[in-house]
């Protein structure tokens, strides 16, 4: 509480809503992190020209590309992650001669899509007649929704938080 005015006959106090402000800023931060973490991944393989695969990953502020020969690819597998509540998330990972390369940096709950992408990659690896492979996983819209929900709620906490002034008079008590 902040002391606004103090005289022998009058006391004016204004409480500062630190808890709502801190919660609002935290929610905006959580929304921002969600938006920044989710991005887009594109795997493009070409047997006709370069005989290479290029995995391009980008989010709101970062972008990177990794190329490797098609001949170094062995298989695509699903990596799993189980959280503390027992819910399982998945991501596609490509096994090469050098290492295992995840398609995205986050695990997603959409098993059907992840399984379909892993199957398409394995079909491309096992079918030498296939000339081109293009797989795109774009989750930026989920990040935007995450930011709108958490960031919007945090902004509401900051903007709609009413700061009250308590004015105590020895003769009468009124709240302004």
Foldseek 3Di string as FASTA:
>chain_A
DDWDDDDPFKTKDWDDCPVLLVLLVVLLVQLQVLLQQFFKWKWKAFCPPPQKIKIWTDGPPDIDIDIDHLVFWDAKDWDWDADPVGQIFIWIWTHGNVGIHTRGPDTHNPPVLRVVVRVQSRCPSVDVVDGMDIDMDGDSVVSVVSNCVRNVVSVCSVPVDDIWMWMCGNVDGDTD
